[in-house]
């Protein structure tokens, strides 16, 4: 699971999502976006990762913001697992990252 500094999570929550639940200590949280956008559920588990994660998160961001978003996520504790994959014209396509626990995710540029 990506772990962000508390202030960053609070900012993201205020800007884009409303957290479901009332902070009752359950090991999961639902991120409820504005109307018309999909919701995402996150669950924390006590077991360590032993094999490749069976689910993979792709974060789609505007092409103009993609490389800066990779830098932001790395600054928050992620690791770049490989250089970015670029489109035929040289523009950013996607980059594979891993959170501190080794869970992989990709930052992907939105298709124009």
Foldseek 3Di string as FASTA:
>chain_A
DADAPPVVVVVCCVVFFPWDDDPPPAQKIKTHGPPPDDIDIDGDDPDADDDADPDEAEAEDAQVCQVVVVVVSVVRAKAFPDDFDADPVRGGAKTWIAHPSGHIYMYGYDDD
